Amino acid sequence: MTRALSWRATRMLLIGLPVVTSCSAPSSGGPPADGLTIVEHPVATWEKPCTVPAGTTFAVKLDRRLGTGTSTAGEIFTAQVSRGISSCGRDVIVKGASLRGRVVDVARGDRSRLALELLDVETVLGPQPVPMAIRSAGGHAMSEEERPFRASVLYGPQARREWAPEPSAPATPQPDVELPAASELVVEVSKPVTILP
């Protein structure tokens, strides 16, 4: 969704743009190539520029169950931060903050897969579209895929085929990929986030 943010707003995002009096978030909704810069924030003040480096991690717990047997593509989900981020001696994402994401793909069959996209997370400066990806979910590693969409993907076990003389033996049905409510997701900041004074 495209939204204009005025200079007098409580916060202003500059995503890959020079400092100007107003700007618009890109309609694609994806993070910029060079990270995220946040300025104009009367709620919290930094004395000097501060950067949360790429690779920084935090953890969240799902508010409800997600899985290939229960979720559908396009579904929005939420989670609560259980381990936050501090940088330059200040809290940036605090415990109890909210994160929003979207289920982008669900597949069942020979190998189940659940693909999740993270939309934004509540920071001390309000909800921000921080560039981030899920590294693990419920103790299982997730892979990041770029095509046909950018998402963190959790796969079920590879289907096993029962031995039979014919090579076309049917695959043994595989269990769904399921993440119960309160499952922990470890989230990594994938591009630097800079906060300007």
C-alpha atoms as a PDB file:
ATOM      1  CA  MET A   1       0.000   0.000   0.000  1.00  0.00           C
ATOM      2  CA  THR A   2       1.356   3.450  -0.903  1.00  0.00           C
ATOM      3  CA  ARG A   3       1.086   6.131   1.761  1.00  0.00           C
ATOM      4  CA  ALA A   4       2.357   9.721   1.745  1.00  0.00           C
ATOM      5  CA  LEU A   5       4.221  10.769   4.911  1.00  0.00           C
ATOM      6  CA  SER A   6       4.494  14.522   5.615  1.00  0.00           C
ATOM      7  CA  TRP A   7       7.461  16.288   7.241  1.00  0.00           C
ATOM      8  CA  ARG A   8       5.220  17.150  10.209  1.00  0.00           C
ATOM      9  CA  ALA A   9       4.249  13.520  10.795  1.00  0.00           C
ATOM     10  CA  THR A  10       5.405  11.895  14.013  1.00  0.00           C
ATOM     11  CA  ARG A  11       7.892   9.880  11.998  1.00  0.00           C
ATOM     12  CA  MET A  12       9.129   9.812   8.429  1.00  0.00           C
ATOM     13  CA  LEU A  13      10.650   6.956   6.511  1.00  0.00           C
ATOM     14  CA  LEU A  14      13.243   7.588   3.855  1.00  0.00           C
ATOM     15  CA  ILE A  15      13.675   4.419   1.876  1.00  0.00           C
ATOM     16  CA  GLY A  16      16.604   4.753  -0.478  1.00  0.00           C
ATOM     17  CA  LEU A  17      15.822   8.479  -0.998  1.00  0.00           C
ATOM     18  CA  PRO A  18      17.665  11.697  -0.048  1.00  0.00           C
ATOM     19  CA  VAL A  19      16.261  13.793   2.811  1.00  0.00           C
ATOM     20  CA  VAL A  20      13.257  15.691   1.483  1.00  0.00           C
ATOM     21  CA  THR A  21      10.185  17.296   2.997  1.00  0.00           C
ATOM     22  CA  SER A  22       7.898  14.439   1.999  1.00  0.00           C
ATOM     23  CA  CYS A  23       8.140  11.024   0.500  1.00  0.00           C
ATOM     24  CA  SER A  24       6.105   7.991  -0.438  1.00  0.00           C
ATOM     25  CA  ALA A  25       6.706   4.364   0.441  1.00  0.00           C
ATOM     26  CA  PRO A  26       7.238   2.241  -2.688  1.00  0.00           C
ATOM     27  CA  SER A  27       4.109   0.510  -3.930  1.00  0.00           C
ATOM     28  CA  SER A  28       5.856  -2.867  -4.150  1.00  0.00           C
ATOM     29  CA  GLY A  29       5.876  -3.064  -0.365  1.00  0.00           C
ATOM     30  CA  GLY A  30       9.345  -4.682  -0.357  1.00  0.00           C
ATOM     31  CA  PRO A  31      12.426  -3.387   1.446  1.00  0.00           C
ATOM     32  CA  PRO A  32      14.869  -1.154  -0.440  1.00  0.00           C
ATOM     33  CA  ALA A  33      18.112  -2.545  -1.807  1.00  0.00           C
ATOM     34  CA  ASP A  34      20.305  -0.566   0.615  1.00  0.00           C
ATOM     35  CA  GLY A  35      18.317  -0.990   3.839  1.00  0.00           C
ATOM     36  CA  LEU A  36      16.045   1.317   5.835  1.00  0.00           C
ATOM     37  CA  THR A  37      16.675   4.820   7.189  1.00  0.00           C
ATOM     38  CA  ILE A  38      14.406   6.321   9.867  1.00  0.00           C
ATOM     39  CA  VAL A  39      14.395  10.054  10.722  1.00  0.00           C
ATOM     40  CA  GLU A  40      12.142  12.667  12.395  1.00  0.00           C
ATOM     41  CA  HIS A  41      11.133  10.899  15.572  1.00  0.00           C
ATOM     42  CA  PRO A  42      10.094  13.064  18.569  1.00  0.00           C
ATOM     43  CA  VAL A  43       9.134   9.956  20.556  1.00  0.00           C
ATOM     44  CA  ALA A  44      12.744   8.817  20.963  1.00  0.00           C
ATOM     45  CA  THR A  45      15.887  10.857  20.331  1.00  0.00           C
ATOM     46  CA  TRP A  46      19.348   9.643  19.379  1.00  0.00           C
ATOM     47  CA  GLU A  47      22.323  11.989  19.822  1.00  0.00           C
ATOM     48  CA  LYS A  48      24.084  10.553  16.777  1.00  0.00           C
ATOM     49  CA  PRO A  49      23.232   8.221  13.884  1.00  0.00           C
ATOM     50  CA  CYS A  50      22.781   4.622  14.968  1.00  0.00           C
ATOM     51  CA  THR A  51      22.733   1.545  12.755  1.00  0.00           C
ATOM     52  CA  VAL A  52      21.297  -1.869  13.533  1.00  0.00           C
ATOM     53  CA  PRO A  53      23.591  -4.081  11.448  1.00  0.00           C
ATOM     54  CA  ALA A  54      22.424  -6.779   9.065  1.00  0.00           C
ATOM     55  CA  GLY A  55      22.561 -10.160  10.769  1.00  0.00           C
ATOM     56  CA  THR A  56      21.138  -8.896  14.082  1.00  0.00           C
ATOM     57  CA  THR A  57      18.511 -11.307  15.383  1.00  0.00           C
ATOM     58  CA  PHE A  58      15.466 -11.127  17.617  1.00  0.00           C
ATOM     59  CA  ALA A  59      12.776 -13.647  18.540  1.00  0.00           C
ATOM     60  CA  VAL A  60       8.981 -13.647  18.430  1.00  0.00           C
ATOM     61  CA  LYS A  61       6.244 -16.080  19.477  1.00  0.00           C
ATOM     62  CA  LEU A  62       3.246 -16.766  17.246  1.00  0.00           C
ATOM     63  CA  ASP A  63      -0.149 -15.604  18.479  1.00  0.00           C
ATOM     64  CA  ARG A  64      -1.885 -18.545  16.807  1.00  0.00           C
ATOM     65  CA  ARG A  65      -1.261 -21.758  14.907  1.00  0.00           C
ATOM     66  CA  LEU A  66       0.109 -21.737  11.351  1.00  0.00           C
ATOM     67  CA  GLY A  67       0.406 -24.752   9.089  1.00  0.00           C
ATOM     68  CA  THR A  68      -0.208 -26.342   5.728  1.00  0.00           C
ATOM     69  CA  GLY A  69      -3.342 -28.004   7.083  1.00  0.00           C
ATOM     70  CA  THR A  70      -4.877 -24.834   8.531  1.00  0.00           C
ATOM     71  CA  SER A  71      -3.419 -21.746   6.807  1.00  0.00           C
ATOM     72  CA  THR A  72      -4.219 -20.220   3.416  1.00  0.00           C
ATOM     73  CA  ALA A  73      -2.173 -17.967   1.115  1.00  0.00           C
ATOM     74  CA  GLY A  74      -2.784 -14.289   1.844  1.00  0.00           C
ATOM     75  CA  GLU A  75      -3.579 -14.867   5.508  1.00  0.00           C
ATOM     76  CA  ILE A  76      -2.138 -12.265   7.911  1.00  0.00           C
ATOM     77  CA  PHE A  77      -0.573 -13.485  11.141  1.00  0.00           C
ATOM     78  CA  THR A  78       0.857 -11.743  14.204  1.00  0.00           C
ATOM     79  CA  ALA A  79       3.499 -12.549  16.802  1.00  0.00           C
ATOM     80  CA  GLN A  80       4.850 -10.976  19.970  1.00  0.00           C
ATOM     81  CA  VAL A  81       8.535 -10.150  20.476  1.00  0.00           C
ATOM     82  CA  SER A  82      10.074 -12.380  23.168  1.00  0.00           C
ATOM     83  CA  ARG A  83      13.675 -11.158  22.709  1.00  0.00           C
ATOM     84  CA  GLY A  84      14.230  -7.665  21.350  1.00  0.00           C
ATOM     85  CA  ILE A  85      17.063  -5.585  19.850  1.00  0.00           C
ATOM     86  CA  SER A  86      19.197  -2.858  21.433  1.00  0.00           C
ATOM     87  CA  SER A  87      21.723  -0.758  19.541  1.00  0.00           C
ATOM     88  CA  CYS A  88      23.938   2.189  20.510  1.00  0.00           C
ATOM     89  CA  GLY A  89      22.817   1.720  24.103  1.00  0.00           C
ATOM     90  CA  ARG A  90      19.121   2.170  23.257  1.00  0.00           C
ATOM     91  CA  ASP A  91      16.214  -0.217  22.834  1.00  0.00           C
ATOM     92  CA  VAL A  92      15.005  -0.425  19.230  1.00  0.00           C
ATOM     93  CA  ILE A  93      12.610  -3.397  19.369  1.00  0.00           C
ATOM     94  CA  VAL A  94      11.369  -4.242  22.872  1.00  0.00           C
ATOM     95  CA  LYS A  95       9.906  -7.400  24.399  1.00  0.00           C
ATOM     96  CA  GLY A  96       6.133  -7.484  23.917  1.00  0.00           C
ATOM     97  CA  ALA A  97       6.180  -5.517  20.641  1.00  0.00           C
ATOM     98  CA  SER A  98       4.041  -6.793  17.751  1.00  0.00           C
ATOM     99  CA  LEU A  99       5.192  -8.236  14.427  1.00  0.00           C
ATOM    100  CA  ARG A 100       2.962  -8.766  11.379  1.00  0.00           C
ATOM    101  CA  GLY A 101       3.466 -11.251   8.602  1.00  0.00           C
ATOM    102  CA  ARG A 102       1.636 -12.921   5.743  1.00  0.00           C
ATOM    103  CA  VAL A 103       1.334 -16.502   4.529  1.00  0.00           C
ATOM    104  CA  VAL A 104       2.359 -16.323   0.861  1.00  0.00           C
ATOM    105  CA  ASP A 105       2.225 -19.981  -0.142  1.00  0.00           C
ATOM    106  CA  VAL A 106       0.927 -23.290   1.206  1.00  0.00           C
ATOM    107  CA  ALA A 107       1.579 -26.645  -0.469  1.00  0.00           C
ATOM    108  CA  ARG A 108       0.687 -30.196   0.536  1.00  0.00           C
ATOM    109  CA  GLY A 109       1.683 -33.457  -1.092  1.00  0.00           C
ATOM    110  CA  ASP A 110       4.987 -35.228  -1.657  1.00  0.00           C
ATOM    111  CA  ARG A 111       6.699 -32.452   0.282  1.00  0.00           C
ATOM    112  CA  SER A 112       4.704 -29.930   2.288  1.00  0.00           C
ATOM    113  CA  ARG A 113       5.876 -26.317   2.360  1.00  0.00           C
ATOM    114  CA  LEU A 114       4.809 -23.209   4.246  1.00  0.00           C
ATOM    115  CA  ALA A 115       6.123 -19.844   2.964  1.00  0.00           C
ATOM    116  CA  LEU A 116       5.942 -16.765   5.202  1.00  0.00           C
ATOM    117  CA  GLU A 117       6.669 -13.090   4.502  1.00  0.00           C
ATOM    118  CA  LEU A 118       7.309 -10.550   7.281  1.00  0.00           C
ATOM    119  CA  LEU A 119       5.601  -7.171   6.801  1.00  0.00           C
ATOM    120  CA  ASP A 120       6.557  -4.918   9.728  1.00  0.00           C
ATOM    121  CA  VAL A 121       7.516  -4.870  13.385  1.00  0.00           C
ATOM    122  CA  GLU A 122       6.703  -2.411  16.145  1.00  0.00           C
ATOM    123  CA  THR A 123       9.778  -0.398  17.138  1.00  0.00           C
ATOM    124  CA  VAL A 124      10.220   2.411  19.675  1.00  0.00           C
ATOM    125  CA  LEU A 125       9.445   4.704  16.711  1.00  0.00           C
ATOM    126  CA  GLY A 126       6.262   2.866  15.746  1.00  0.00           C
ATOM    127  CA  PRO A 127       5.639   0.044  13.228  1.00  0.00           C
ATOM    128  CA  GLN A 128       8.380  -0.068  10.590  1.00  0.00           C
ATOM    129  CA  PRO A 129       8.927  -2.226   7.450  1.00  0.00           C
ATOM    130  CA  VAL A 130      12.305  -3.486   8.684  1.00  0.00           C
ATOM    131  CA  PRO A 131      14.030  -5.743   6.093  1.00  0.00           C
ATOM    132  CA  MET A 132      13.947  -9.129   7.833  1.00  0.00           C
ATOM    133  CA  ALA A 133      13.661 -12.873   7.298  1.00  0.00           C
ATOM    134  CA  ILE A 134      12.831 -15.877   9.476  1.00  0.00           C
ATOM    135  CA  ARG A 135      15.864 -18.061  10.147  1.00  0.00           C
ATOM    136  CA  SER A 136      14.139 -20.764  12.202  1.00  0.00           C
ATOM    137  CA  ALA A 137      10.602 -21.623  13.277  1.00  0.00           C
ATOM    138  CA  GLY A 138       9.725 -23.953  16.118  1.00  0.00           C
ATOM    139  CA  GLY A 139      13.331 -25.140  16.180  1.00  0.00           C
ATOM    140  CA  HIS A 140      13.364 -25.978  12.438  1.00  0.00           C
ATOM    141  CA  ALA A 141      15.630 -24.121  10.003  1.00  0.00           C
ATOM    142  CA  MET A 142      13.929 -22.088   7.285  1.00  0.00           C
ATOM    143  CA  SER A 143      15.316 -21.232   3.857  1.00  0.00           C
ATOM    144  CA  GLU A 144      14.914 -17.899   2.081  1.00  0.00           C
ATOM    145  CA  GLU A 145      13.671 -17.976  -1.492  1.00  0.00           C
ATOM    146  CA  GLU A 146      13.521 -15.161  -4.029  1.00  0.00           C
ATOM    147  CA  ARG A 147      11.281 -16.716  -6.706  1.00  0.00           C
ATOM    148  CA  PRO A 148       8.430 -16.659  -7.489  1.00  0.00           C
ATOM    149  CA  PHE A 149       8.215 -14.483  -4.349  1.00  0.00           C
ATOM    150  CA  ARG A 150      10.585 -13.489  -1.561  1.00  0.00           C
ATOM    151  CA  ALA A 151       9.721 -15.479   1.537  1.00  0.00           C
ATOM    152  CA  SER A 152      11.049 -17.658   4.339  1.00  0.00           C
ATOM    153  CA  VAL A 153      10.064 -21.257   3.623  1.00  0.00           C
ATOM    154  CA  LEU A 154       9.645 -24.226   5.979  1.00  0.00           C
ATOM    155  CA  TYR A 155       9.610 -27.621   4.263  1.00  0.00           C
ATOM    156  CA  GLY A 156       8.206 -30.883   5.531  1.00  0.00           C
ATOM    157  CA  PRO A 157      10.175 -34.134   5.151  1.00  0.00           C
ATOM    158  CA  GLN A 158      10.879 -35.396   1.642  1.00  0.00           C
ATOM    159  CA  ALA A 159       8.325 -37.961   0.520  1.00  0.00           C
ATOM    160  CA  ARG A 160       9.482 -41.565   0.584  1.00  0.00           C
ATOM    161  CA  ARG A 161       8.308 -44.067  -1.981  1.00  0.00           C
ATOM    162  CA  GLU A 162       7.547 -47.637  -0.959  1.00  0.00           C
ATOM    163  CA  TRP A 163       9.638 -50.248  -2.796  1.00  0.00           C
ATOM    164  CA  ALA A 164       7.770 -51.840  -5.650  1.00  0.00           C
ATOM    165  CA  PRO A 165       8.726 -53.398  -8.983  1.00  0.00           C
ATOM    166  CA  GLU A 166       7.049 -50.528 -10.794  1.00  0.00           C
ATOM    167  CA  PRO A 167       8.902 -47.183 -10.681  1.00  0.00           C
ATOM    168  CA  SER A 168       5.575 -45.364 -10.448  1.00  0.00           C
ATOM    169  CA  ALA A 169       4.860 -46.575  -6.903  1.00  0.00           C
ATOM    170  CA  PRO A 170       2.821 -43.966  -5.008  1.00  0.00           C
ATOM    171  CA  ALA A 171       4.542 -41.761  -2.457  1.00  0.00           C
ATOM    172  CA  THR A 172       3.821 -42.317   1.211  1.00  0.00           C
ATOM    173  CA  PRO A 173       1.665 -39.394   2.394  1.00  0.00           C
ATOM    174  CA  GLN A 174       3.729 -36.869   4.339  1.00  0.00           C
ATOM    175  CA  PRO A 175       2.609 -34.963   7.446  1.00  0.00           C
ATOM    176  CA  ASP A 176       1.623 -31.327   7.256  1.00  0.00           C
ATOM    177  CA  VAL A 177       4.033 -28.602   8.323  1.00  0.00           C
ATOM    178  CA  GLU A 178       2.580 -27.192  11.519  1.00  0.00           C
ATOM    179  CA  LEU A 179       3.666 -24.376  13.857  1.00  0.00           C
ATOM    180  CA  PRO A 180       1.554 -24.370  17.037  1.00  0.00           C
ATOM    181  CA  ALA A 181       0.598 -21.142  18.800  1.00  0.00           C
ATOM    182  CA  ALA A 182       3.513 -19.761  20.849  1.00  0.00           C
ATOM    183  CA  SER A 183       6.078 -21.354  18.495  1.00  0.00           C
ATOM    184  CA  GLU A 184       9.239 -19.269  18.512  1.00  0.00           C
ATOM    185  CA  LEU A 185      10.478 -17.672  15.285  1.00  0.00           C
ATOM    186  CA  VAL A 186      14.065 -16.418  15.168  1.00  0.00           C
ATOM    187  CA  VAL A 187      14.097 -13.355  12.910  1.00  0.00           C
ATOM    188  CA  GLU A 188      17.190 -11.818  11.315  1.00  0.00           C
ATOM    189  CA  VAL A 189      17.551  -8.215  10.138  1.00  0.00           C
ATOM    190  CA  SER A 190      18.612  -8.814   6.537  1.00  0.00           C
ATOM    191  CA  LYS A 191      19.758  -5.271   5.666  1.00  0.00           C
ATOM    192  CA  PRO A 192      21.095  -2.427   7.843  1.00  0.00           C
ATOM    193  CA  VAL A 193      18.570  -0.179   9.606  1.00  0.00           C
ATOM    194  CA  THR A 194      19.888   3.347  10.316  1.00  0.00           C
ATOM    195  CA  ILE A 195      18.272   5.780  12.750  1.00  0.00           C
ATOM    196  CA  LEU A 196      19.194   9.438  12.197  1.00  0.00           C
ATOM    197  CA  PRO A 197      19.018  12.126  14.933  1.00  0.00           C
END
